[in-house]
Amino acid sequence: MELARRAGVQRKQVQQIESGANVTLETIRQILPALPNLKRVTLGGLEIEVANADLEEARRAAWAMYDEMKRLLAALGAPSPPAERKARSRSERETAERLERRIPELKRPKRKGHA
């Protein structure tokens, strides 16, 4: 499978996305750049236009929306996720930890003239 090769992932991971199965954010992160004609990504209620878009800005916006959703759920008194969902695989935990470490970086305002 050409897409799996270009993205550097296993064919099974591409097949999981194609069939609508659950995949990790890391898998999505690896596959999206390998899609040359991608113009828009929809994840749940979040839609991101990626053609000619600043991907860092899109990531920051997604994290801001995520933070707002957490605050809204807390304000509504939403219960915590079921215990079985809290149990994660090692790769999911590692990905979550890596993303948590990046949150402060993604929240920082972008300064003009700096990458």
Protein backbone atom coordinates (compact mmCIF):
# COMPACT_ATOMS: atom_id res chain seq x y z
CA MET A 1 0.00 0.00 0.00
CA GLU A 2 1.58 3.25 -1.20
CA LEU A 3 0.10 5.49 1.51
CA ALA A 4 1.42 3.30 4.31
CA ARG A 5 4.89 3.36 2.77
CA ARG A 6 4.89 7.16 2.31
CA ALA A 7 3.60 7.71 5.85
CA GLY A 8 5.98 5.20 7.41
CA VAL A 9 3.19 3.22 9.08
CA GLN A 10 1.94 -0.34 8.85
CA ARG A 11 -0.68 -1.17 6.23
CA LYS A 12 -2.98 -2.27 9.05
CA GLN A 13 -3.03 1.28 10.44
CA VAL A 14 -4.13 2.73 7.10
CA GLN A 15 -6.78 0.02 6.78
CA GLN A 16 -8.06 0.87 10.28
CA ILE A 17 -8.52 4.52 9.33
CA GLU A 18 -10.21 3.55 6.08
CA SER A 19 -12.66 1.29 7.91
CA GLY A 20 -13.45 3.90 10.58
CA ALA A 21 -11.75 2.01 13.41
CA ASN A 22 -10.17 3.82 16.35
CA VAL A 23 -6.57 4.89 15.83
CA THR A 24 -4.15 6.93 17.89
CA LEU A 25 -3.48 10.62 17.28
CA GLU A 26 0.11 9.66 16.53
CA THR A 27 -1.06 7.45 13.65
CA ILE A 28 -3.20 10.29 12.29
CA ARG A 29 -0.27 12.68 12.68
CA GLN A 30 1.92 10.36 10.60
CA ILE A 31 -0.61 9.73 7.85
CA LEU A 32 -2.03 13.23 7.25
CA PRO A 33 1.16 14.72 5.76
CA ALA A 34 1.36 11.80 3.32
CA LEU A 35 -2.00 12.74 1.77
CA PRO A 36 -1.06 15.14 -1.04
CA ASN A 37 -4.57 16.32 -1.95
CA LEU A 38 -5.89 16.72 1.58
CA LYS A 39 -7.85 19.94 1.94
CA ARG A 40 -9.97 19.38 5.04
CA VAL A 41 -9.91 17.16 8.14
CA THR A 42 -12.96 16.48 10.29
CA LEU A 43 -12.51 14.88 13.72
CA GLY A 44 -15.83 14.62 15.52
CA GLY A 45 -17.20 18.15 15.56
CA LEU A 46 -13.82 19.72 14.75
CA GLU A 47 -13.20 20.59 11.13
CA ILE A 48 -9.83 21.92 10.03
CA GLU A 49 -9.08 23.27 6.58
CA VAL A 50 -5.51 22.28 5.78
CA ALA A 51 -4.99 23.46 2.20
CA ASN A 52 -2.74 26.51 2.33
CA ALA A 53 -3.29 26.64 6.09
CA ASP A 54 -0.85 27.27 8.89
CA LEU A 55 -0.85 23.82 10.50
CA GLU A 56 0.68 25.09 13.74
CA GLU A 57 -2.15 27.60 14.04
CA ALA A 58 -4.67 24.83 13.35
CA ARG A 59 -3.10 22.69 16.09
CA ARG A 60 -3.23 25.58 18.55
CA ALA A 61 -6.89 26.16 17.69
CA ALA A 62 -7.68 22.46 18.17
CA TRP A 63 -6.00 22.45 21.60
CA ALA A 64 -7.87 25.63 22.58
CA MET A 65 -11.15 23.98 21.59
CA TYR A 66 -10.19 20.88 23.56
CA ASP A 67 -9.50 23.00 26.66
CA GLU A 68 -12.84 24.76 26.27
CA MET A 69 -14.64 21.40 25.94
CA LYS A 70 -13.04 20.17 29.16
CA ARG A 71 -14.14 23.33 30.99
CA LEU A 72 -17.67 23.02 29.61
CA LEU A 73 -17.91 19.36 30.64
CA ALA A 74 -16.69 20.24 34.13
CA ALA A 75 -19.22 23.11 34.38
CA LEU A 76 -22.00 20.73 33.34
CA GLY A 77 -20.93 18.28 36.01
CA ALA A 78 -20.16 15.57 33.47
CA PRO A 79 -18.89 12.37 35.07
CA SER A 80 -15.40 11.11 34.41
CA PRO A 81 -14.99 8.63 31.56
CA PRO A 82 -15.74 5.03 32.48
CA ALA A 83 -12.91 3.17 34.20
CA GLU A 84 -12.43 0.83 31.26
CA ARG A 85 -11.66 3.77 28.98
CA LYS A 86 -9.03 5.05 31.38
CA ALA A 87 -7.04 1.87 30.84
CA ARG A 88 -4.77 2.61 27.89
CA SER A 89 -2.17 0.72 25.98
CA ARG A 90 1.46 1.64 26.51
CA SER A 91 1.63 3.46 23.15
CA GLU A 92 -1.53 5.45 23.95
CA ARG A 93 -0.10 6.46 27.34
CA GLU A 94 3.21 7.48 25.75
CA THR A 95 1.42 9.50 23.07
CA ALA A 96 -0.80 11.18 25.68
CA GLU A 97 2.22 12.04 27.82
CA ARG A 98 4.08 13.45 24.81
CA LEU A 99 1.06 15.58 23.85
CA GLU A 100 0.58 16.78 27.43
CA ARG A 101 4.21 17.96 27.47
CA ARG A 102 3.58 19.94 24.26
CA ILE A 103 0.45 21.75 25.49
CA PRO A 104 2.34 24.72 26.99
CA GLU A 105 4.33 25.09 23.77
CA LEU A 106 1.18 25.01 21.65
CA LYS A 107 -0.60 27.54 23.87
CA ARG A 108 2.18 30.13 23.57
CA PRO A 109 1.30 32.95 21.19
CA LYS A 110 3.16 32.74 17.91
CA ARG A 111 5.72 35.53 17.52
CA LYS A 112 6.19 36.95 14.07
CA GLY A 113 9.55 36.17 12.53
CA HIS A 114 10.09 33.08 14.71
CA ALA A 115 9.35 29.46 13.85
